[in-house]
């Protein structure tokens, strides 16, 4: 499973999400959309043009993708199997 978290440098919910994932020992890659234009373009594709953060993309081993907008502990726990 691969987890990518799209963030901005000023987003408090992004920090909360990162702390949640760290607390659950979930490995993830952070991509800052306010510092990296390529990350912003990636996020736009996966979010169908929406730029809200945090935006999490979970790619499962079978290639299917789940996305979570915002810091939604319940949905994250469900999708990640926590």
Protein backbone atom coordinates (compact mmCIF):
# COMPACT_ATOMS: atom_id res chain seq x y z
CA UNK A 1 0.00 0.00 0.00
CA UNK A 2 1.23 3.49 -0.87
CA UNK A 3 -0.05 6.59 0.92
CA UNK A 4 0.46 10.11 -0.43
CA UNK A 5 -0.64 13.15 1.58
CA UNK A 6 -0.98 16.44 -0.28
CA UNK A 7 -0.46 19.40 2.05
CA UNK A 8 0.32 23.09 2.29
CA UNK A 9 2.81 24.67 4.67
CA UNK A 10 0.13 26.63 6.58
CA UNK A 11 -2.54 23.92 6.98
CA UNK A 12 -3.15 22.90 10.63
CA UNK A 13 -5.30 19.92 9.59
CA UNK A 14 -2.41 18.65 7.45
CA UNK A 15 -0.20 18.58 10.56
CA UNK A 16 -2.94 16.78 12.51
CA UNK A 17 -3.25 14.19 9.74
CA UNK A 18 0.50 13.62 9.67
CA UNK A 19 0.59 13.14 13.45
CA UNK A 20 -2.33 10.68 13.19
CA UNK A 21 -0.51 8.63 10.53
CA UNK A 22 2.76 8.68 12.49
CA UNK A 23 0.90 7.59 15.62
CA UNK A 24 -0.53 4.62 13.72
CA UNK A 25 2.88 3.78 12.18
CA UNK A 26 1.57 4.38 8.66
CA UNK A 27 4.29 5.21 6.16
CA UNK A 28 3.38 8.04 3.81
CA UNK A 29 4.86 10.47 1.35
CA UNK A 30 4.10 14.16 1.83
CA UNK A 31 3.76 16.42 -1.19
CA UNK A 32 3.45 20.14 -0.61
CA UNK A 33 1.19 21.66 -3.26
CA UNK A 34 2.17 25.23 -2.37
CA UNK A 35 5.87 24.50 -2.97
CA UNK A 36 5.76 21.95 -5.79
CA UNK A 37 3.86 22.65 -9.01
CA UNK A 38 4.17 19.01 -10.16
CA UNK A 39 2.57 17.84 -6.88
CA UNK A 40 -0.24 20.35 -7.39
CA UNK A 41 -0.89 18.99 -10.89
CA UNK A 42 -0.87 15.39 -9.57
CA UNK A 43 -3.38 16.32 -6.88
CA UNK A 44 -5.64 18.07 -9.39
CA UNK A 45 -5.83 14.87 -11.43
CA UNK A 46 -6.67 12.63 -8.46
CA UNK A 47 -9.11 15.11 -6.90
CA UNK A 48 -10.95 15.98 -10.14
CA UNK A 49 -9.79 19.59 -9.90
CA UNK A 50 -10.34 20.22 -6.20
CA UNK A 51 -7.51 21.92 -4.29
CA UNK A 52 -8.57 21.36 -0.66
CA UNK A 53 -5.96 19.96 1.73
CA UNK A 54 -5.13 17.67 3.28
CA UNK A 55 -5.89 15.32 0.43
CA UNK A 56 -4.81 11.70 0.86
CA UNK A 57 -4.46 9.12 -1.89
CA UNK A 58 -4.16 5.50 -0.80
CA UNK A 59 -3.10 3.11 -3.57
CA UNK A 60 -3.70 -0.48 -2.54
CA UNK A 61 -1.55 -3.41 -3.61
CA UNK A 62 -4.11 -4.39 -6.28
CA UNK A 63 -3.79 -0.91 -7.86
CA UNK A 64 -7.14 0.47 -6.67
CA UNK A 65 -7.13 3.98 -5.24
CA UNK A 66 -9.08 5.51 -2.40
CA UNK A 67 -9.04 9.21 -1.64
CA UNK A 68 -9.80 11.08 1.55
CA UNK A 69 -10.42 14.82 1.61
CA UNK A 70 -9.64 16.60 4.85
CA UNK A 71 -8.67 15.05 8.15
CA UNK A 72 -11.37 12.37 8.44
CA UNK A 73 -10.08 9.91 11.06
CA UNK A 74 -12.95 7.48 10.58
CA UNK A 75 -12.59 7.20 6.81
CA UNK A 76 -8.79 7.04 7.03
CA UNK A 77 -8.96 4.24 9.61
CA UNK A 78 -11.45 2.35 7.44
CA UNK A 79 -9.50 2.70 4.20
CA UNK A 80 -6.16 1.92 5.88
CA UNK A 81 -7.59 -1.03 7.83
CA UNK A 82 -6.68 0.42 11.23
